[in-house]
Amino acid sequence: MVVFSSLRPSARGLKAVLPILRSSPKTPAIKQAGPVVMSTRGGAGRSMVLRPGIYLDRMWRDSVHFFILLGTIPVLTLATLANLFLTHGELTDLPEDRVPQTWEYHQHPITRFIAKNIVRSPEKLYETHMAMMYEQDQKRKLRKLDAQVKRVMLDRQDVRGWYFFQGATDARQMSLESQDNKRGTPF
């Protein structure tokens, strides 16, 4: 009796969810001027009204139930087997030279599995965050240095530009020399 009284609030919640699962996307209504007259074998004309069927509604409902059960049955089976056969973690003394991993601090086996294989460790999260902050700081310093260079160039007005290269570059000089060697020098 105690079990049934404890299940009552969940049954109320289930009653609130079931109408949502029962309602499927509305099928477009077929517009027609009047009933369709179908001829039959006996010759008597009976009228049959076209209306949207419930096939699509049932198919949608069946697919929703199938995919819900496709996900819940394996998860519930796995959780039940883990709770029945795997033991909870217990505190034990560790040797002096061994450092425990982060997932070994969790007691439940499913939580240990999630911490080991799915969630990133706190150390890795910290390192990635610090690397991102370092890159942002380097970008900020370069922007600040670029603004300072532009400001000094504008104040002094004695430099053409920090990006300007006067004269030919080494690659251009090498290409000119190679062209001269191919043609031969006139002297």
N, C-alpha and C. Protein backbone atom coordinates (compact mmCIF):
# COMPACT_ATOMS: atom_id res chain seq x y z
N MET A 1 0.81 -1.19 0.00
CA MET A 1 0.00 0.00 0.00
C MET A 1 0.86 1.26 0.00
N VAL A 2 1.97 1.19 0.74
CA VAL A 2 2.86 2.35 0.79
C VAL A 2 3.46 2.62 -0.58
N VAL A 3 3.74 1.56 -1.33
CA VAL A 3 4.33 1.72 -2.65
C VAL A 3 3.36 2.43 -3.58
N PHE A 4 2.08 2.05 -3.55
CA PHE A 4 1.12 2.68 -4.43
C PHE A 4 0.91 4.15 -4.08
N SER A 5 0.92 4.46 -2.79
CA SER A 5 0.74 5.86 -2.42
C SER A 5 1.95 6.70 -2.80
N SER A 6 3.14 6.09 -2.85
CA SER A 6 4.31 6.86 -3.26
C SER A 6 4.36 7.03 -4.77
N LEU A 7 3.69 6.16 -5.52
CA LEU A 7 3.65 6.28 -6.97
C LEU A 7 2.59 7.25 -7.46
N ARG A 8 1.71 7.70 -6.61
CA ARG A 8 0.62 8.57 -7.02
C ARG A 8 1.11 9.89 -7.64
N PRO A 9 2.09 10.59 -7.06
CA PRO A 9 2.53 11.84 -7.71
C PRO A 9 3.13 11.59 -9.10
N SER A 10 3.83 10.48 -9.28
CA SER A 10 4.39 10.21 -10.60
C SER A 10 3.29 9.89 -11.61
N ALA A 11 2.21 9.27 -11.15
CA ALA A 11 1.10 8.98 -12.05
C ALA A 11 0.42 10.27 -12.49
N ARG A 12 0.33 11.26 -11.58
CA ARG A 12 -0.23 12.55 -11.97
C ARG A 12 0.64 13.22 -13.02
N GLY A 13 1.95 13.14 -12.85
CA GLY A 13 2.86 13.71 -13.84
C GLY A 13 2.76 13.00 -15.17
N LEU A 14 2.56 11.68 -15.13
CA LEU A 14 2.42 10.90 -16.35
C LEU A 14 1.14 11.27 -17.07
N LYS A 15 0.07 11.53 -16.31
CA LYS A 15 -1.19 11.94 -16.94
C LYS A 15 -1.04 13.28 -17.64
N ALA A 16 -0.15 14.13 -17.14
CA ALA A 16 0.07 15.42 -17.79
C ALA A 16 0.88 15.27 -19.06
N VAL A 17 1.71 14.23 -19.15
CA VAL A 17 2.58 14.04 -20.31
C VAL A 17 1.88 13.25 -21.42
N LEU A 18 1.01 12.33 -21.06
CA LEU A 18 0.38 11.47 -22.06
C LEU A 18 -0.40 12.23 -23.13
N PRO A 19 -1.16 13.27 -22.81
CA PRO A 19 -1.84 13.98 -23.91
C PRO A 19 -0.87 14.59 -24.92
N ILE A 20 0.28 14.97 -24.47
CA ILE A 20 1.27 15.52 -25.40
C ILE A 20 1.76 14.43 -26.33
N LEU A 21 2.00 13.22 -25.80
CA LEU A 21 2.45 12.12 -26.64
C LEU A 21 1.35 11.62 -27.56
N ARG A 22 0.11 11.73 -27.14
CA ARG A 22 -0.99 11.25 -27.98
C ARG A 22 -1.27 12.19 -29.14
N SER A 23 -1.04 13.47 -28.94
CA SER A 23 -1.33 14.41 -30.03
C SER A 23 -0.19 14.39 -31.03
N SER A 24 -0.53 14.16 -32.27
CA SER A 24 0.45 14.12 -33.33
C SER A 24 0.33 15.38 -34.18
N PRO A 25 1.28 15.61 -35.07
CA PRO A 25 1.14 16.76 -35.94
C PRO A 25 -0.12 16.64 -36.77
N LYS A 26 -0.81 17.74 -36.92
CA LYS A 26 -2.09 17.72 -37.62
C LYS A 26 -1.87 17.45 -39.10
N THR A 27 -2.68 16.53 -39.64
CA THR A 27 -2.62 16.26 -41.07
C THR A 27 -3.48 17.28 -41.78
N PRO A 28 -3.08 17.70 -42.96
CA PRO A 28 -3.88 18.71 -43.65
C PRO A 28 -5.24 18.15 -44.04
N ALA A 29 -6.26 18.96 -43.81
CA ALA A 29 -7.62 18.52 -44.14
C ALA A 29 -7.82 18.60 -45.65
N ILE A 30 -8.54 17.65 -46.18
CA ILE A 30 -8.83 17.64 -47.60
C ILE A 30 -10.07 18.48 -47.83
N LYS A 31 -9.96 19.46 -48.71
CA LYS A 31 -11.10 20.33 -49.00
C LYS A 31 -11.84 19.79 -50.21
N GLN A 32 -13.12 19.64 -50.05
CA GLN A 32 -13.93 19.18 -51.18
C GLN A 32 -15.28 19.87 -51.10
N ALA A 33 -15.91 19.92 -52.24
CA ALA A 33 -17.17 20.65 -52.32
C ALA A 33 -18.31 19.87 -51.69
N GLY A 34 -18.33 18.56 -51.86
CA GLY A 34 -19.42 17.76 -51.34
C GLY A 34 -19.00 16.32 -51.24
N PRO A 35 -19.91 15.45 -50.88
CA PRO A 35 -19.54 14.05 -50.78
C PRO A 35 -19.23 13.47 -52.16
N VAL A 36 -18.33 12.50 -52.18
CA VAL A 36 -17.96 11.82 -53.40
C VAL A 36 -18.90 10.64 -53.58
N VAL A 37 -19.51 10.53 -54.73
CA VAL A 37 -20.43 9.44 -54.98
C VAL A 37 -19.65 8.32 -55.64
N MET A 38 -19.65 7.16 -55.00
CA MET A 38 -18.95 6.00 -55.50
C MET A 38 -19.97 5.02 -56.07
N SER A 39 -19.65 4.46 -57.19
CA SER A 39 -20.56 3.45 -57.75
C SER A 39 -20.23 2.10 -57.13
N THR A 40 -21.24 1.33 -56.87
CA THR A 40 -21.04 0.01 -56.29
C THR A 40 -21.53 -1.05 -57.27
N ARG A 41 -21.34 -2.30 -56.93
CA ARG A 41 -21.74 -3.39 -57.83
C ARG A 41 -23.24 -3.47 -58.03
N GLY A 42 -23.94 -3.22 -57.00
CA GLY A 42 -25.40 -3.35 -57.09
C GLY A 42 -26.04 -2.20 -57.85
N GLY A 43 -25.28 -1.16 -58.13
CA GLY A 43 -25.84 -0.04 -58.86
C GLY A 43 -26.39 1.04 -57.96
N ALA A 44 -26.53 0.74 -56.70
CA ALA A 44 -27.05 1.75 -55.79
C ALA A 44 -25.92 2.71 -55.45
N GLY A 45 -26.16 3.97 -55.61
CA GLY A 45 -25.11 4.95 -55.35
C GLY A 45 -25.07 5.34 -53.89
N ARG A 46 -24.01 5.00 -53.25
CA ARG A 46 -23.83 5.40 -51.86
C ARG A 46 -22.77 6.48 -51.82
N SER A 47 -22.91 7.41 -50.95
CA SER A 47 -21.92 8.49 -50.87
C SER A 47 -20.89 8.17 -49.79
N MET A 48 -19.64 8.52 -50.10
CA MET A 48 -18.55 8.30 -49.16
C MET A 48 -17.82 9.63 -49.00
N VAL A 49 -17.72 10.09 -47.79
CA VAL A 49 -17.08 11.37 -47.53
C VAL A 49 -15.59 11.14 -47.32
N LEU A 50 -14.76 11.88 -48.06
CA LEU A 50 -13.33 11.79 -47.86
C LEU A 50 -12.93 12.59 -46.62
N ARG A 51 -12.16 12.00 -45.82
CA ARG A 51 -11.66 12.70 -44.63
C ARG A 51 -10.27 12.16 -44.32
N PRO A 52 -9.48 12.95 -43.59
CA PRO A 52 -8.12 12.48 -43.28
C PRO A 52 -8.18 11.23 -42.42
N GLY A 53 -7.31 10.29 -42.74
CA GLY A 53 -7.27 9.05 -41.99
C GLY A 53 -6.42 9.19 -40.74
N ILE A 54 -6.40 8.14 -39.96
CA ILE A 54 -5.61 8.14 -38.73
C ILE A 54 -4.32 7.36 -38.91
N TYR A 55 -4.03 6.97 -40.15
CA TYR A 55 -2.82 6.18 -40.39
C TYR A 55 -1.56 6.95 -40.01
N LEU A 56 -1.46 8.21 -40.45
CA LEU A 56 -0.27 9.00 -40.14
C LEU A 56 -0.16 9.29 -38.65
N ASP A 57 -1.31 9.52 -38.01
CA ASP A 57 -1.28 9.74 -36.56
C ASP A 57 -0.74 8.53 -35.82
N ARG A 58 -1.24 7.36 -36.19
CA ARG A 58 -0.77 6.13 -35.53
C ARG A 58 0.69 5.84 -35.85
N MET A 59 1.08 6.10 -37.09
CA MET A 59 2.47 5.86 -37.46
C MET A 59 3.40 6.80 -36.66
N TRP A 60 3.01 8.07 -36.51
CA TRP A 60 3.83 9.01 -35.74
C TRP A 60 3.91 8.56 -34.28
N ARG A 61 2.77 8.17 -33.71
CA ARG A 61 2.75 7.74 -32.31
C ARG A 61 3.59 6.48 -32.12
N ASP A 62 3.51 5.55 -33.06
CA ASP A 62 4.31 4.33 -32.96
C ASP A 62 5.80 4.63 -33.05
N SER A 63 6.18 5.55 -33.93
CA SER A 63 7.61 5.88 -34.04
C SER A 63 8.11 6.59 -32.79
N VAL A 64 7.29 7.45 -32.19
CA VAL A 64 7.70 8.11 -30.94
C VAL A 64 7.90 7.07 -29.84
N HIS A 65 6.96 6.15 -29.70
CA HIS A 65 7.09 5.11 -28.68
C HIS A 65 8.30 4.23 -28.94
N PHE A 66 8.54 3.90 -30.22
CA PHE A 66 9.68 3.06 -30.56
C PHE A 66 10.99 3.72 -30.18
N PHE A 67 11.16 5.00 -30.52
CA PHE A 67 12.43 5.66 -30.24
C PHE A 67 12.61 5.95 -28.75
N ILE A 68 11.52 6.18 -28.04
CA ILE A 68 11.64 6.35 -26.59
C ILE A 68 12.09 5.03 -25.96
N LEU A 69 11.47 3.94 -26.36
CA LEU A 69 11.86 2.65 -25.81
C LEU A 69 13.24 2.22 -26.30
N LEU A 70 13.61 2.61 -27.51
CA LEU A 70 14.93 2.28 -28.03
C LEU A 70 16.03 2.91 -27.16
N GLY A 71 15.76 4.06 -26.59
CA GLY A 71 16.75 4.70 -25.73
C GLY A 71 16.63 4.28 -24.27
N THR A 72 15.42 4.10 -23.78
CA THR A 72 15.26 3.87 -22.35
C THR A 72 15.54 2.44 -21.94
N ILE A 73 15.21 1.46 -22.76
CA ILE A 73 15.41 0.06 -22.35
C ILE A 73 16.89 -0.24 -22.13
N PRO A 74 17.81 0.10 -23.06
CA PRO A 74 19.22 -0.20 -22.77
C PRO A 74 19.78 0.58 -21.59
N VAL A 75 19.36 1.83 -21.44
CA VAL A 75 19.88 2.63 -20.32
C VAL A 75 19.40 2.07 -18.99
N LEU A 76 18.13 1.73 -18.90
CA LEU A 76 17.61 1.17 -17.65
C LEU A 76 18.22 -0.19 -17.36
N THR A 77 18.43 -1.01 -18.39
CA THR A 77 19.07 -2.31 -18.19
C THR A 77 20.49 -2.14 -17.68
N LEU A 78 21.24 -1.24 -18.30
CA LEU A 78 22.61 -0.98 -17.88
C LEU A 78 22.67 -0.47 -16.44
N ALA A 79 21.78 0.46 -16.10
CA ALA A 79 21.78 1.00 -14.74
C ALA A 79 21.42 -0.08 -13.72
N THR A 80 20.45 -0.93 -14.06
CA THR A 80 20.07 -2.00 -13.14
C THR A 80 21.20 -2.99 -12.93
N LEU A 81 21.84 -3.40 -14.04
CA LEU A 81 22.95 -4.35 -13.91
C LEU A 81 24.13 -3.74 -13.16
N ALA A 82 24.40 -2.47 -13.39
CA ALA A 82 25.50 -1.82 -12.66
C ALA A 82 25.20 -1.74 -11.18
N ASN A 83 23.95 -1.45 -10.82
CA ASN A 83 23.60 -1.37 -9.40
C ASN A 83 23.58 -2.74 -8.74
N LEU A 84 23.24 -3.78 -9.51
CA LEU A 84 23.17 -5.11 -8.90
C LEU A 84 24.53 -5.78 -8.78
N PHE A 85 25.36 -5.69 -9.82
CA PHE A 85 26.57 -6.50 -9.86
C PHE A 85 27.86 -5.74 -9.59
N LEU A 86 27.92 -4.48 -9.85
CA LEU A 86 29.15 -3.72 -9.58
C LEU A 86 29.09 -3.13 -8.18
N THR A 87 30.20 -3.13 -7.52
CA THR A 87 30.22 -2.61 -6.15
C THR A 87 30.51 -1.13 -6.16
N HIS A 88 30.04 -0.48 -5.13
CA HIS A 88 30.34 0.94 -4.95
C HIS A 88 31.78 1.09 -4.50
N GLY A 89 32.37 2.22 -4.82
CA GLY A 89 33.75 2.46 -4.44
C GLY A 89 33.89 2.64 -2.93
N GLU A 90 34.97 2.13 -2.39
CA GLU A 90 35.23 2.26 -0.96
C GLU A 90 36.57 2.94 -0.76
N LEU A 91 36.68 3.65 0.33
CA LEU A 91 37.94 4.32 0.64
C LEU A 91 38.95 3.30 1.15
N THR A 92 40.11 3.32 0.54
CA THR A 92 41.20 2.45 0.98
C THR A 92 42.48 3.26 1.01
N ASP A 93 43.46 2.75 1.73
CA ASP A 93 44.75 3.42 1.77
C ASP A 93 45.50 3.17 0.48
N LEU A 94 46.13 4.22 -0.02
CA LEU A 94 46.90 4.12 -1.26
C LEU A 94 48.39 4.09 -0.93
N PRO A 95 49.18 3.49 -1.79
CA PRO A 95 50.63 3.56 -1.58
C PRO A 95 51.12 5.00 -1.72
N GLU A 96 52.27 5.26 -1.17
CA GLU A 96 52.81 6.62 -1.16
C GLU A 96 53.09 7.14 -2.56
N ASP A 97 53.53 6.28 -3.48
CA ASP A 97 53.95 6.73 -4.80
C ASP A 97 52.80 6.82 -5.82
N ARG A 98 51.60 6.42 -5.46
CA ARG A 98 50.48 6.41 -6.41
C ARG A 98 49.61 7.64 -6.21
N VAL A 99 49.31 8.29 -7.33
CA VAL A 99 48.41 9.45 -7.31
C VAL A 99 47.08 9.00 -7.92
N PRO A 100 45.97 9.15 -7.21
CA PRO A 100 44.68 8.69 -7.77
C PRO A 100 44.23 9.58 -8.92
N GLN A 101 43.53 8.95 -9.86
CA GLN A 101 42.97 9.69 -10.99
C GLN A 101 41.71 10.42 -10.52
N THR A 102 41.24 11.37 -11.33
CA THR A 102 40.08 12.17 -10.92
C THR A 102 38.81 11.35 -10.86
N TRP A 103 38.64 10.35 -11.74
CA TRP A 103 37.41 9.57 -11.73
C TRP A 103 37.36 8.58 -10.57
N GLU A 104 38.47 8.34 -9.91
CA GLU A 104 38.48 7.40 -8.80
C GLU A 104 37.88 7.99 -7.52
N TYR A 105 37.61 9.26 -7.52
CA TYR A 105 37.00 9.89 -6.35
C TYR A 105 35.49 9.65 -6.28
N HIS A 106 34.87 9.24 -7.39
CA HIS A 106 33.43 9.01 -7.40
C HIS A 106 33.12 7.62 -6.86
N GLN A 107 31.99 7.52 -6.17
CA GLN A 107 31.64 6.26 -5.52
C GLN A 107 30.86 5.33 -6.44
N HIS A 108 29.93 5.85 -7.20
CA HIS A 108 29.06 5.01 -8.02
C HIS A 108 29.77 4.63 -9.33
N PRO A 109 29.61 3.37 -9.79
CA PRO A 109 30.33 2.94 -11.01
C PRO A 109 29.90 3.68 -12.28
N ILE A 110 28.63 4.03 -12.39
CA ILE A 110 28.18 4.77 -13.58
C ILE A 110 28.77 6.17 -13.58
N THR A 111 28.81 6.81 -12.42
CA THR A 111 29.41 8.14 -12.33
C THR A 111 30.90 8.07 -12.63
N ARG A 112 31.56 7.02 -12.19
CA ARG A 112 32.99 6.84 -12.51
C ARG A 112 33.18 6.69 -14.02
N PHE A 113 32.32 5.91 -14.66
CA PHE A 113 32.43 5.72 -16.11
C PHE A 113 32.24 7.04 -16.85
N ILE A 114 31.24 7.81 -16.43
CA ILE A 114 30.99 9.10 -17.08
C ILE A 114 32.16 10.04 -16.86
N ALA A 115 32.69 10.08 -15.64
CA ALA A 115 33.82 10.97 -15.34
C ALA A 115 35.09 10.55 -16.09
N LYS A 116 35.24 9.26 -16.34
CA LYS A 116 36.44 8.78 -17.01
C LYS A 116 36.37 8.93 -18.52
N ASN A 117 35.22 8.64 -19.13
CA ASN A 117 35.15 8.53 -20.58
C ASN A 117 34.40 9.67 -21.27
N ILE A 118 33.52 10.36 -20.60
CA ILE A 118 32.69 11.36 -21.28
C ILE A 118 33.11 12.78 -20.91
N VAL A 119 33.19 13.07 -19.63
CA VAL A 119 33.48 14.43 -19.17
C VAL A 119 34.99 14.65 -19.13
N ARG A 120 35.41 15.84 -19.51
CA ARG A 120 36.84 16.15 -19.44
C ARG A 120 37.25 16.36 -17.99
N SER A 121 38.49 16.02 -17.70
CA SER A 121 38.98 16.15 -16.33
C SER A 121 39.15 17.63 -15.98
N PRO A 122 39.06 17.97 -14.69
CA PRO A 122 39.22 19.37 -14.30
C PRO A 122 40.60 19.94 -14.66
N GLU A 123 41.63 19.10 -14.62
CA GLU A 123 42.97 19.58 -14.98
C GLU A 123 43.02 19.97 -16.45
N LYS A 124 42.42 19.15 -17.31
CA LYS A 124 42.42 19.45 -18.74
C LYS A 124 41.61 20.72 -19.02
N LEU A 125 40.47 20.86 -18.35
CA LEU A 125 39.67 22.08 -18.52
C LEU A 125 40.45 23.31 -18.08
N TYR A 126 41.16 23.19 -16.97
CA TYR A 126 41.95 24.31 -16.47
C TYR A 126 43.05 24.68 -17.45
N GLU A 127 43.75 23.67 -17.98
CA GLU A 127 44.85 23.94 -18.91
C GLU A 127 44.35 24.57 -20.20
N THR A 128 43.23 24.09 -20.74
CA THR A 128 42.69 24.68 -21.96
C THR A 128 42.23 26.11 -21.73
N HIS A 129 41.64 26.36 -20.56
CA HIS A 129 41.22 27.72 -20.23
C HIS A 129 42.42 28.65 -20.09
N MET A 130 43.47 28.17 -19.45
CA MET A 130 44.67 29.00 -19.29
C MET A 130 45.35 29.25 -20.64
N ALA A 131 45.36 28.26 -21.54
CA ALA A 131 45.94 28.46 -22.87
C ALA A 131 45.14 29.49 -23.66
N MET A 132 43.82 29.43 -23.54
CA MET A 132 42.99 30.40 -24.22
C MET A 132 43.23 31.81 -23.67
N MET A 133 43.35 31.92 -22.36
CA MET A 133 43.62 33.23 -21.76
C MET A 133 45.00 33.75 -22.17
N TYR A 134 46.00 32.86 -22.29
CA TYR A 134 47.34 33.27 -22.73
C TYR A 134 47.30 33.80 -24.16
N GLU A 135 46.58 33.11 -25.04
CA GLU A 135 46.46 33.58 -26.42
C GLU A 135 45.77 34.94 -26.49
N GLN A 136 44.71 35.11 -25.70
CA GLN A 136 44.02 36.39 -25.68
C GLN A 136 44.93 37.51 -25.17
N ASP A 137 45.75 37.19 -24.18
CA ASP A 137 46.68 38.18 -23.64
C ASP A 137 47.74 38.55 -24.68
N GLN A 138 48.23 37.57 -25.43
CA GLN A 138 49.21 37.85 -26.48
C GLN A 138 48.60 38.72 -27.57
N LYS A 139 47.36 38.44 -27.96
CA LYS A 139 46.67 39.27 -28.95
C LYS A 139 46.49 40.69 -28.44
N ARG A 140 46.14 40.81 -27.16
CA ARG A 140 45.95 42.15 -26.58
C ARG A 140 47.25 42.93 -26.60
N LYS A 141 48.37 42.26 -26.26
CA LYS A 141 49.67 42.94 -26.26
C LYS A 141 50.06 43.37 -27.68
N LEU A 142 49.81 42.51 -28.68
CA LEU A 142 50.13 42.87 -30.06
C LEU A 142 49.27 44.03 -30.54
N ARG A 143 47.99 44.05 -30.19
CA ARG A 143 47.14 45.17 -30.58
C ARG A 143 47.61 46.47 -29.93
N LYS A 144 48.02 46.37 -28.66
CA LYS A 144 48.50 47.55 -27.95
C LYS A 144 49.80 48.05 -28.59
N LEU A 145 50.72 47.14 -28.94
CA LEU A 145 51.97 47.52 -29.59
C LEU A 145 51.72 48.12 -30.97
N ASP A 146 50.78 47.56 -31.72
CA ASP A 146 50.44 48.09 -33.03
C ASP A 146 49.88 49.51 -32.91
N ALA A 147 49.00 49.73 -31.94
CA ALA A 147 48.44 51.08 -31.75
C ALA A 147 49.54 52.05 -31.34
N GLN A 148 50.48 51.63 -30.51
CA GLN A 148 51.58 52.50 -30.09
C GLN A 148 52.48 52.85 -31.28
N VAL A 149 52.79 51.87 -32.14
CA VAL A 149 53.62 52.13 -33.32
C VAL A 149 52.93 53.12 -34.25
N LYS A 150 51.64 52.93 -34.49
CA LYS A 150 50.92 53.86 -35.36
C LYS A 150 50.87 55.26 -34.76
N ARG A 151 50.71 55.34 -33.44
CA ARG A 151 50.66 56.65 -32.79
C ARG A 151 52.01 57.36 -32.91
N VAL A 152 53.11 56.63 -32.68
CA VAL A 152 54.44 57.25 -32.77
C VAL A 152 54.74 57.66 -34.21
N MET A 153 54.36 56.84 -35.19
CA MET A 153 54.58 57.19 -36.59
C MET A 153 53.80 58.44 -36.97
N LEU A 154 52.59 58.57 -36.44
CA LEU A 154 51.79 59.75 -36.75
C LEU A 154 52.37 60.99 -36.08
N ASP A 155 52.89 60.85 -34.87
CA ASP A 155 53.48 62.00 -34.17
C ASP A 155 54.76 62.47 -34.83
N ARG A 156 55.67 61.58 -35.16
CA ARG A 156 56.98 61.96 -35.67
C ARG A 156 56.98 62.24 -37.18
N GLN A 157 56.20 61.52 -37.90
CA GLN A 157 56.08 61.65 -39.35
C GLN A 157 57.44 61.58 -40.05
N ASP A 158 58.31 60.71 -39.63
CA ASP A 158 59.62 60.56 -40.25
C ASP A 158 59.81 59.17 -40.86
N VAL A 159 58.80 58.33 -40.83
CA VAL A 159 58.91 56.98 -41.36
C VAL A 159 57.77 56.79 -42.36
N ARG A 160 58.09 56.14 -43.47
CA ARG A 160 57.05 55.91 -44.46
C ARG A 160 56.00 54.92 -43.95
N GLY A 161 56.41 53.98 -43.22
CA GLY A 161 55.47 53.00 -42.67
C GLY A 161 56.22 51.78 -42.21
N TRP A 162 55.76 51.17 -41.17
CA TRP A 162 56.47 50.02 -40.63
C TRP A 162 56.32 48.80 -41.52
N TYR A 163 55.39 48.87 -42.48
CA TYR A 163 55.17 47.76 -43.38
C TYR A 163 55.82 48.01 -44.74
N PHE A 164 56.48 49.13 -44.96
CA PHE A 164 57.03 49.51 -46.26
C PHE A 164 58.46 48.99 -46.40
N PHE A 165 58.74 48.35 -47.55
CA PHE A 165 60.08 47.87 -47.84
C PHE A 165 60.59 48.66 -49.04
N GLN A 166 61.65 49.40 -48.85
CA GLN A 166 62.17 50.21 -49.94
C GLN A 166 63.13 49.37 -50.78
N GLY A 167 63.02 49.51 -52.09
CA GLY A 167 63.92 48.79 -52.97
C GLY A 167 63.42 47.40 -53.26
N ALA A 168 64.25 46.68 -53.99
CA ALA A 168 63.89 45.33 -54.40
C ALA A 168 64.21 44.34 -53.28
N THR A 169 63.42 43.32 -53.23
CA THR A 169 63.67 42.28 -52.24
C THR A 169 64.68 41.29 -52.78
N ASP A 170 65.12 40.41 -51.95
CA ASP A 170 66.11 39.40 -52.37
C ASP A 170 65.55 38.50 -53.46
N ALA A 171 64.27 38.13 -53.37
CA ALA A 171 63.69 37.25 -54.37
C ALA A 171 63.65 37.94 -55.72
N ARG A 172 63.32 39.24 -55.74
CA ARG A 172 63.28 39.97 -57.01
C ARG A 172 64.68 40.09 -57.58
N GLN A 173 65.65 40.38 -56.75
CA GLN A 173 67.01 40.49 -57.25
C GLN A 173 67.50 39.16 -57.80
N MET A 174 67.17 38.07 -57.14
CA MET A 174 67.58 36.75 -57.62
C MET A 174 66.92 36.43 -58.95
N SER A 175 65.65 36.80 -59.12
CA SER A 175 64.98 36.52 -60.39
C SER A 175 65.57 37.36 -61.51
N LEU A 176 65.94 38.63 -61.22
CA LEU A 176 66.57 39.46 -62.24
C LEU A 176 67.93 38.90 -62.62
N GLU A 177 68.69 38.43 -61.63
CA GLU A 177 70.01 37.86 -61.92
C GLU A 177 69.88 36.57 -62.75
N SER A 178 68.87 35.76 -62.46
CA SER A 178 68.70 34.53 -63.22
C SER A 178 68.30 34.83 -64.66
N GLN A 179 67.50 35.90 -64.86
CA GLN A 179 67.14 36.27 -66.23
C GLN A 179 68.36 36.77 -66.98
N ASP A 180 69.23 37.53 -66.30
CA ASP A 180 70.43 38.03 -66.94
C ASP A 180 71.36 36.86 -67.30
N ASN A 181 71.46 35.86 -66.45
CA ASN A 181 72.32 34.72 -66.72
C ASN A 181 71.80 33.92 -67.91
N LYS A 182 70.48 33.84 -68.08
CA LYS A 182 69.90 33.09 -69.19
C LYS A 182 70.20 33.80 -70.53
N ARG A 183 70.06 35.12 -70.52
CA ARG A 183 70.25 35.89 -71.75
C ARG A 183 71.73 36.09 -72.05
N GLY A 184 72.49 36.11 -71.01
CA GLY A 184 73.92 36.40 -71.19
C GLY A 184 74.16 37.90 -71.03
N THR A 185 75.25 38.24 -70.45
CA THR A 185 75.53 39.66 -70.24
C THR A 185 76.16 40.26 -71.51
N PRO A 186 75.80 41.48 -71.83
CA PRO A 186 76.32 42.08 -73.06
C PRO A 186 77.78 42.49 -72.95
N PHE A 187 78.36 42.55 -71.82
CA PHE A 187 79.72 43.04 -71.67
C PHE A 187 80.72 41.94 -71.78
